[in-house]
């Protein structure tokens, strides 16, 4: 899920935004996500909030876009 979220951010907002939210968020994993890893769910909340703060897009809208991305992926 985490790597899919980062992929969505890169596709929709660019690599610079993705790097920014990873670098500026206090993440116990340091933002090094793999498709098979397990990470604290709180990190997803931190990332979505950081993306919302950076883009000005409401969290609910970002979650909806992520759900649509996952629906197409899976």
PDB file of N, CA and C in Angstrom:
ATOM      1  N   UNK A   1       0.806  -1.181   0.000  1.00  0.00           N
ATOM      2  CA  UNK A   1       0.000   0.000   0.000  1.00  0.00           C
ATOM      3  C   UNK A   1       0.866   1.268   0.000  1.00  0.00           C
ATOM      4  N   UNK A   2       1.919   1.254   0.801  1.00  0.00           N
ATOM      5  CA  UNK A   2       2.761   2.441   0.905  1.00  0.00           C
ATOM      6  C   UNK A   2       3.484   2.733  -0.411  1.00  0.00           C
ATOM      7  N   UNK A   3       4.021   1.698  -1.017  1.00  0.00           N
ATOM      8  CA  UNK A   3       4.723   1.926  -2.285  1.00  0.00           C
ATOM      9  C   UNK A   3       3.735   2.375  -3.364  1.00  0.00           C
ATOM     10  N   UNK A   4       2.506   1.880  -3.312  1.00  0.00           N
ATOM     11  CA  UNK A   4       1.479   2.337  -4.259  1.00  0.00           C
ATOM     12  C   UNK A   4       1.130   3.804  -4.030  1.00  0.00           C
ATOM     13  N   UNK A   5       1.081   4.216  -2.769  1.00  0.00           N
ATOM     14  CA  UNK A   5       0.789   5.617  -2.469  1.00  0.00           C
ATOM     15  C   UNK A   5       1.892   6.518  -3.018  1.00  0.00           C
ATOM     16  N   UNK A   6       3.136   6.136  -2.800  1.00  0.00           N
ATOM     17  CA  UNK A   6       4.258   6.934  -3.300  1.00  0.00           C
ATOM     18  C   UNK A   6       4.238   6.965  -4.829  1.00  0.00           C
ATOM     19  N   UNK A   7       3.898   5.847  -5.444  1.00  0.00           N
ATOM     20  CA  UNK A   7       3.785   5.815  -6.906  1.00  0.00           C
ATOM     21  C   UNK A   7       2.713   6.792  -7.384  1.00  0.00           C
ATOM     22  N   UNK A   8       1.571   6.821  -6.716  1.00  0.00           N
ATOM     23  CA  UNK A   8       0.510   7.763  -7.068  1.00  0.00           C
ATOM     24  C   UNK A   8       0.991   9.200  -6.941  1.00  0.00           C
ATOM     25  N   UNK A   9       1.675   9.495  -5.844  1.00  0.00           N
ATOM     26  CA  UNK A   9       2.173  10.857  -5.632  1.00  0.00           C
ATOM     27  C   UNK A   9       3.147  11.239  -6.750  1.00  0.00           C
ATOM     28  N   UNK A  10       4.037  10.340  -7.098  1.00  0.00           N
ATOM     29  CA  UNK A  10       4.990  10.624  -8.172  1.00  0.00           C
ATOM     30  C   UNK A  10       4.276  10.859  -9.500  1.00  0.00           C
ATOM     31  N   UNK A  11       3.264  10.040  -9.804  1.00  0.00           N
ATOM     32  CA  UNK A  11       2.533  10.165 -11.065  1.00  0.00           C
ATOM     33  C   UNK A  11       1.739  11.471 -11.145  1.00  0.00           C
ATOM     34  N   UNK A  12       1.049  11.803 -10.067  1.00  0.00           N
ATOM     35  CA  UNK A  12       0.124  12.941 -10.089  1.00  0.00           C
ATOM     36  C   UNK A  12       0.786  14.272  -9.729  1.00  0.00           C
ATOM     37  N   UNK A  13       1.817  14.233  -8.879  1.00  0.00           N
ATOM     38  CA  UNK A  13       2.384  15.479  -8.363  1.00  0.00           C
ATOM     39  C   UNK A  13       3.871  15.639  -8.639  1.00  0.00           C
ATOM     40  N   UNK A  14       4.518  14.580  -9.069  1.00  0.00           N
ATOM     41  CA  UNK A  14       5.930  14.658  -9.411  1.00  0.00           C
ATOM     42  C   UNK A  14       6.852  14.109  -8.337  1.00  0.00           C
ATOM     43  N   UNK A  15       8.042  13.777  -8.786  1.00  0.00           N
ATOM     44  CA  UNK A  15       9.058  13.195  -7.908  1.00  0.00           C
ATOM     45  C   UNK A  15       9.473  14.158  -6.801  1.00  0.00           C
ATOM     46  N   UNK A  16       9.523  15.438  -7.121  1.00  0.00           N
ATOM     47  CA  UNK A  16       9.945  16.439  -6.131  1.00  0.00           C
ATOM     48  C   UNK A  16       8.981  16.477  -4.935  1.00  0.00           C
ATOM     49  N   UNK A  17       7.687  16.432  -5.190  1.00  0.00           N
ATOM     50  CA  UNK A  17       6.697  16.435  -4.106  1.00  0.00           C
ATOM     51  C   UNK A  17       6.810  15.146  -3.299  1.00  0.00           C
ATOM     52  N   UNK A  18       6.958  14.019  -3.994  1.00  0.00           N
ATOM     53  CA  UNK A  18       7.095  12.735  -3.300  1.00  0.00           C
ATOM     54  C   UNK A  18       8.310  12.759  -2.374  1.00  0.00           C
ATOM     55  N   UNK A  19       9.432  13.208  -2.893  1.00  0.00           N
ATOM     56  CA  UNK A  19      10.639  13.300  -2.071  1.00  0.00           C
ATOM     57  C   UNK A  19      10.442  14.255  -0.907  1.00  0.00           C
ATOM     58  N   UNK A  20       9.768  15.357  -1.155  1.00  0.00           N
ATOM     59  CA  UNK A  20       9.544  16.354  -0.114  1.00  0.00           C
ATOM     60  C   UNK A  20       8.730  15.791   1.043  1.00  0.00           C
ATOM     61  N   UNK A  21       7.620  15.112   0.735  1.00  0.00           N
ATOM     62  CA  UNK A  21       6.798  14.600   1.844  1.00  0.00           C
ATOM     63  C   UNK A  21       7.514  13.481   2.591  1.00  0.00           C
ATOM     64  N   UNK A  22       8.327  12.704   1.889  1.00  0.00           N
ATOM     65  CA  UNK A  22       9.093  11.646   2.567  1.00  0.00           C
ATOM     66  C   UNK A  22      10.192  12.246   3.441  1.00  0.00           C
ATOM     67  N   UNK A  23      10.886  13.237   2.915  1.00  0.00           N
ATOM     68  CA  UNK A  23      12.005  13.844   3.643  1.00  0.00           C
ATOM     69  C   UNK A  23      11.551  14.669   4.839  1.00  0.00           C
ATOM     70  N   UNK A  24      10.377  15.275   4.748  1.00  0.00           N
ATOM     71  CA  UNK A  24       9.933  16.191   5.796  1.00  0.00           C
ATOM     72  C   UNK A  24       8.930  15.591   6.765  1.00  0.00           C
ATOM     73  N   UNK A  25       8.744  14.293   6.710  1.00  0.00           N
ATOM     74  CA  UNK A  25       7.844  13.615   7.640  1.00  0.00           C
ATOM     75  C   UNK A  25       8.668  12.749   8.584  1.00  0.00           C
ATOM     76  N   UNK A  26       8.263  12.739   9.845  1.00  0.00           N
ATOM     77  CA  UNK A  26       8.958  11.908  10.841  1.00  0.00           C
ATOM     78  C   UNK A  26       8.428  10.482  10.718  1.00  0.00           C
ATOM     79  N   UNK A  27       9.135   9.666   9.957  1.00  0.00           N
ATOM     80  CA  UNK A  27       8.709   8.297   9.686  1.00  0.00           C
ATOM     81  C   UNK A  27       9.697   7.313  10.298  1.00  0.00           C
ATOM     82  N   UNK A  28       9.193   6.359  11.059  1.00  0.00           N
ATOM     83  CA  UNK A  28      10.096   5.380  11.674  1.00  0.00           C
ATOM     84  C   UNK A  28      10.767   4.509  10.618  1.00  0.00           C
ATOM     85  N   UNK A  29      10.120   4.344   9.464  1.00  0.00           N
ATOM     86  CA  UNK A  29      10.694   3.540   8.383  1.00  0.00           C
ATOM     87  C   UNK A  29      11.633   4.360   7.505  1.00  0.00           C
ATOM     88  N   UNK A  30      11.706   5.659   7.731  1.00  0.00           N
ATOM     89  CA  UNK A  30      12.478   6.593   6.911  1.00  0.00           C
ATOM     90  C   UNK A  30      11.932   6.690   5.486  1.00  0.00           C
ATOM     91  N   UNK A  31      10.717   6.179   5.272  1.00  0.00           N
ATOM     92  CA  UNK A  31      10.105   6.266   3.954  1.00  0.00           C
ATOM     93  C   UNK A  31      10.664   5.288   2.946  1.00  0.00           C
ATOM     94  N   UNK A  32      11.376   4.279   3.418  1.00  0.00           N
ATOM     95  CA  UNK A  32      11.946   3.264   2.531  1.00  0.00           C
ATOM     96  C   UNK A  32      10.955   2.102   2.448  1.00  0.00           C
ATOM     97  N   UNK A  33       9.979   2.227   1.548  1.00  0.00           N
ATOM     98  CA  UNK A  33       8.906   1.243   1.452  1.00  0.00           C
ATOM     99  C   UNK A  33       9.160   0.252   0.333  1.00  0.00           C
ATOM    100  N   UNK A  34       8.784  -1.004   0.581  1.00  0.00           N
ATOM    101  CA  UNK A  34       8.826  -2.046  -0.438  1.00  0.00           C
ATOM    102  C   UNK A  34       7.430  -2.635  -0.559  1.00  0.00           C
ATOM    103  N   UNK A  35       7.193  -3.334  -1.632  1.00  0.00           N
ATOM    104  CA  UNK A  35       5.876  -3.931  -1.866  1.00  0.00           C
ATOM    105  C   UNK A  35       5.565  -5.046  -0.874  1.00  0.00           C
ATOM    106  N   UNK A  36       6.572  -5.655  -0.275  1.00  0.00           N
ATOM    107  CA  UNK A  36       6.338  -6.778   0.632  1.00  0.00           C
ATOM    108  C   UNK A  36       6.534  -6.416   2.107  1.00  0.00           C
ATOM    109  N   UNK A  37       6.902  -5.178   2.392  1.00  0.00           N
ATOM    110  CA  UNK A  37       7.149  -4.768   3.770  1.00  0.00           C
ATOM    111  C   UNK A  37       5.870  -4.487   4.535  1.00  0.00           C
ATOM    112  N   UNK A  38       6.005  -4.448   5.855  1.00  0.00           N
ATOM    113  CA  UNK A  38       4.910  -4.092   6.752  1.00  0.00           C
ATOM    114  C   UNK A  38       5.341  -2.847   7.515  1.00  0.00           C
ATOM    115  N   UNK A  39       4.460  -1.842   7.550  1.00  0.00           N
ATOM    116  CA  UNK A  39       4.807  -0.558   8.146  1.00  0.00           C
ATOM    117  C   UNK A  39       3.676  -0.094   9.055  1.00  0.00           C
ATOM    118  N   UNK A  40       3.988   0.747  10.037  1.00  0.00           N
ATOM    119  CA  UNK A  40       2.939   1.266  10.930  1.00  0.00           C
ATOM    120  C   UNK A  40       1.898   2.058  10.136  1.00  0.00           C
ATOM    121  N   UNK A  41       0.636   1.767  10.369  1.00  0.00           N
ATOM    122  CA  UNK A  41      -0.427   2.446   9.619  1.00  0.00           C
ATOM    123  C   UNK A  41      -0.439   3.951   9.869  1.00  0.00           C
ATOM    124  N   UNK A  42       0.105   4.384  10.990  1.00  0.00           N
ATOM    125  CA  UNK A  42       0.152   5.817  11.288  1.00  0.00           C
ATOM    126  C   UNK A  42       0.977   6.573  10.257  1.00  0.00           C
ATOM    127  N   UNK A  43       1.934   5.892   9.648  1.00  0.00           N
ATOM    128  CA  UNK A  43       2.765   6.555   8.644  1.00  0.00           C
ATOM    129  C   UNK A  43       1.949   6.975   7.426  1.00  0.00           C
ATOM    130  N   UNK A  44       0.926   6.200   7.085  1.00  0.00           N
ATOM    131  CA  UNK A  44       0.082   6.577   5.953  1.00  0.00           C
ATOM    132  C   UNK A  44      -0.648   7.878   6.266  1.00  0.00           C
ATOM    133  N   UNK A  45      -1.126   8.006   7.487  1.00  0.00           N
ATOM    134  CA  UNK A  45      -1.803   9.245   7.894  1.00  0.00           C
ATOM    135  C   UNK A  45      -0.856  10.431   7.804  1.00  0.00           C
ATOM    136  N   UNK A  46       0.369  10.233   8.242  1.00  0.00           N
ATOM    137  CA  UNK A  46       1.376  11.296   8.191  1.00  0.00           C
ATOM    138  C   UNK A  46       1.639  11.703   6.744  1.00  0.00           C
ATOM    139  N   UNK A  47       1.771  10.726   5.867  1.00  0.00           N
ATOM    140  CA  UNK A  47       2.062  11.017   4.459  1.00  0.00           C
ATOM    141  C   UNK A  47       0.899  11.731   3.773  1.00  0.00           C
ATOM    142  N   UNK A  48      -0.316  11.268   4.033  1.00  0.00           N
ATOM    143  CA  UNK A  48      -1.482  11.906   3.404  1.00  0.00           C
ATOM    144  C   UNK A  48      -1.621  13.336   3.906  1.00  0.00           C
ATOM    145  N   UNK A  49      -1.420  13.549   5.198  1.00  0.00           N
ATOM    146  CA  UNK A  49      -1.506  14.909   5.752  1.00  0.00           C
ATOM    147  C   UNK A  49      -0.422  15.795   5.140  1.00  0.00           C
ATOM    148  N   UNK A  50       0.791  15.274   5.022  1.00  0.00           N
ATOM    149  CA  UNK A  50       1.891  16.049   4.433  1.00  0.00           C
ATOM    150  C   UNK A  50       1.580  16.412   2.985  1.00  0.00           C
ATOM    151  N   UNK A  51       1.005  15.474   2.240  1.00  0.00           N
ATOM    152  CA  UNK A  51       0.650  15.750   0.856  1.00  0.00           C
ATOM    153  C   UNK A  51      -0.449  16.808   0.787  1.00  0.00           C
ATOM    154  N   UNK A  52      -1.417  16.710   1.672  1.00  0.00           N
ATOM    155  CA  UNK A  52      -2.485  17.703   1.723  1.00  0.00           C
ATOM    156  C   UNK A  52      -1.925  19.089   2.029  1.00  0.00           C
ATOM    157  N   UNK A  53      -1.040  19.151   3.009  1.00  0.00           N
ATOM    158  CA  UNK A  53      -0.422  20.432   3.374  1.00  0.00           C
ATOM    159  C   UNK A  53       0.374  21.012   2.204  1.00  0.00           C
ATOM    160  N   UNK A  54       1.075  20.159   1.485  1.00  0.00           N
ATOM    161  CA  UNK A  54       1.938  20.603   0.390  1.00  0.00           C
ATOM    162  C   UNK A  54       1.126  21.056  -0.830  1.00  0.00           C
ATOM    163  N   UNK A  55       0.012  20.355  -1.107  1.00  0.00           N
ATOM    164  CA  UNK A  55      -0.738  20.621  -2.330  1.00  0.00           C
ATOM    165  C   UNK A  55      -1.969  21.491  -2.117  1.00  0.00           C
ATOM    166  N   UNK A  56      -2.455  21.562  -0.877  1.00  0.00           N
ATOM    167  CA  UNK A  56      -3.684  22.296  -0.608  1.00  0.00           C
ATOM    168  C   UNK A  56      -4.939  21.513  -0.963  1.00  0.00           C
ATOM    169  N   UNK A  57      -4.780  20.252  -1.279  1.00  0.00           N
ATOM    170  CA  UNK A  57      -5.916  19.388  -1.615  1.00  0.00           C
ATOM    171  C   UNK A  57      -6.414  18.722  -0.333  1.00  0.00           C
ATOM    172  N   UNK A  58      -7.730  18.684  -0.173  1.00  0.00           N
ATOM    173  CA  UNK A  58      -8.330  18.102   1.033  1.00  0.00           C
ATOM    174  C   UNK A  58      -7.942  16.626   1.174  1.00  0.00           C
ATOM    175  N   UNK A  59      -7.754  16.205   2.407  1.00  0.00           N
ATOM    176  CA  UNK A  59      -7.385  14.817   2.697  1.00  0.00           C
ATOM    177  C   UNK A  59      -8.404  13.852   2.099  1.00  0.00           C
ATOM    178  N   UNK A  60      -9.688  14.162   2.225  1.00  0.00           N
ATOM    179  CA  UNK A  60     -10.720  13.264   1.678  1.00  0.00           C
ATOM    180  C   UNK A  60     -10.577  13.106   0.165  1.00  0.00           C
ATOM    181  N   UNK A  61     -10.226  14.180  -0.522  1.00  0.00           N
ATOM    182  CA  UNK A  61     -10.028  14.102  -1.973  1.00  0.00           C
ATOM    183  C   UNK A  61      -8.799  13.270  -2.320  1.00  0.00           C
ATOM    184  N   UNK A  62      -7.748  13.402  -1.531  1.00  0.00           N
ATOM    185  CA  UNK A  62      -6.542  12.606  -1.763  1.00  0.00           C
ATOM    186  C   UNK A  62      -6.809  11.123  -1.518  1.00  0.00           C
ATOM    187  N   UNK A  63      -7.555  10.815  -0.472  1.00  0.00           N
ATOM    188  CA  UNK A  63      -7.888   9.416  -0.186  1.00  0.00           C
ATOM    189  C   UNK A  63      -8.767   8.822  -1.282  1.00  0.00           C
ATOM    190  N   UNK A  64      -9.677   9.627  -1.796  1.00  0.00           N
ATOM    191  CA  UNK A  64     -10.519   9.166  -2.904  1.00  0.00           C
ATOM    192  C   UNK A  64      -9.655   8.855  -4.132  1.00  0.00           C
ATOM    193  N   UNK A  65      -8.725   9.725  -4.445  1.00  0.00           N
ATOM    194  CA  UNK A  65      -7.827   9.509  -5.583  1.00  0.00           C
ATOM    195  C   UNK A  65      -6.967   8.265  -5.365  1.00  0.00           C
ATOM    196  N   UNK A  66      -6.531   8.045  -4.129  1.00  0.00           N
ATOM    197  CA  UNK A  66      -5.724   6.863  -3.825  1.00  0.00           C
ATOM    198  C   UNK A  66      -6.563   5.601  -3.991  1.00  0.00           C
ATOM    199  N   UNK A  67      -7.808   5.645  -3.529  1.00  0.00           N
ATOM    200  CA  UNK A  67      -8.696   4.502  -3.708  1.00  0.00           C
ATOM    201  C   UNK A  67      -8.913   4.182  -5.177  1.00  0.00           C
ATOM    202  N   UNK A  68      -9.109   5.198  -5.990  1.00  0.00           N
ATOM    203  CA  UNK A  68      -9.278   4.997  -7.436  1.00  0.00           C
ATOM    204  C   UNK A  68      -8.014   4.401  -8.047  1.00  0.00           C
ATOM    205  N   UNK A  69      -6.865   4.880  -7.600  1.00  0.00           N
ATOM    206  CA  UNK A  69      -5.581   4.339  -8.076  1.00  0.00           C
ATOM    207  C   UNK A  69      -5.465   2.863  -7.716  1.00  0.00           C
ATOM    208  N   UNK A  70      -5.804   2.530  -6.473  1.00  0.00           N
ATOM    209  CA  UNK A  70      -5.717   1.126  -6.041  1.00  0.00           C
ATOM    210  C   UNK A  70      -6.691   0.255  -6.802  1.00  0.00           C
ATOM    211  N   UNK A  71      -7.881   0.762  -7.070  1.00  0.00           N
ATOM    212  CA  UNK A  71      -8.880  -0.011  -7.815  1.00  0.00           C
ATOM    213  C   UNK A  71      -8.342  -0.368  -9.197  1.00  0.00           C
ATOM    214  N   UNK A  72      -7.678   0.579  -9.844  1.00  0.00           N
ATOM    215  CA  UNK A  72      -7.112   0.306 -11.167  1.00  0.00           C
ATOM    216  C   UNK A  72      -5.920  -0.652 -11.079  1.00  0.00           C
ATOM    217  N   UNK A  73      -5.152  -0.527  -9.999  1.00  0.00           N
ATOM    218  CA  UNK A  73      -3.952  -1.355  -9.836  1.00  0.00           C
ATOM    219  C   UNK A  73      -4.282  -2.807  -9.514  1.00  0.00           C
ATOM    220  N   UNK A  74      -5.231  -2.979  -8.589  1.00  0.00           N
ATOM    221  CA  UNK A  74      -5.546  -4.340  -8.135  1.00  0.00           C
ATOM    222  C   UNK A  74      -6.698  -4.907  -8.928  1.00  0.00           C
TER     223      UNK A  74
END
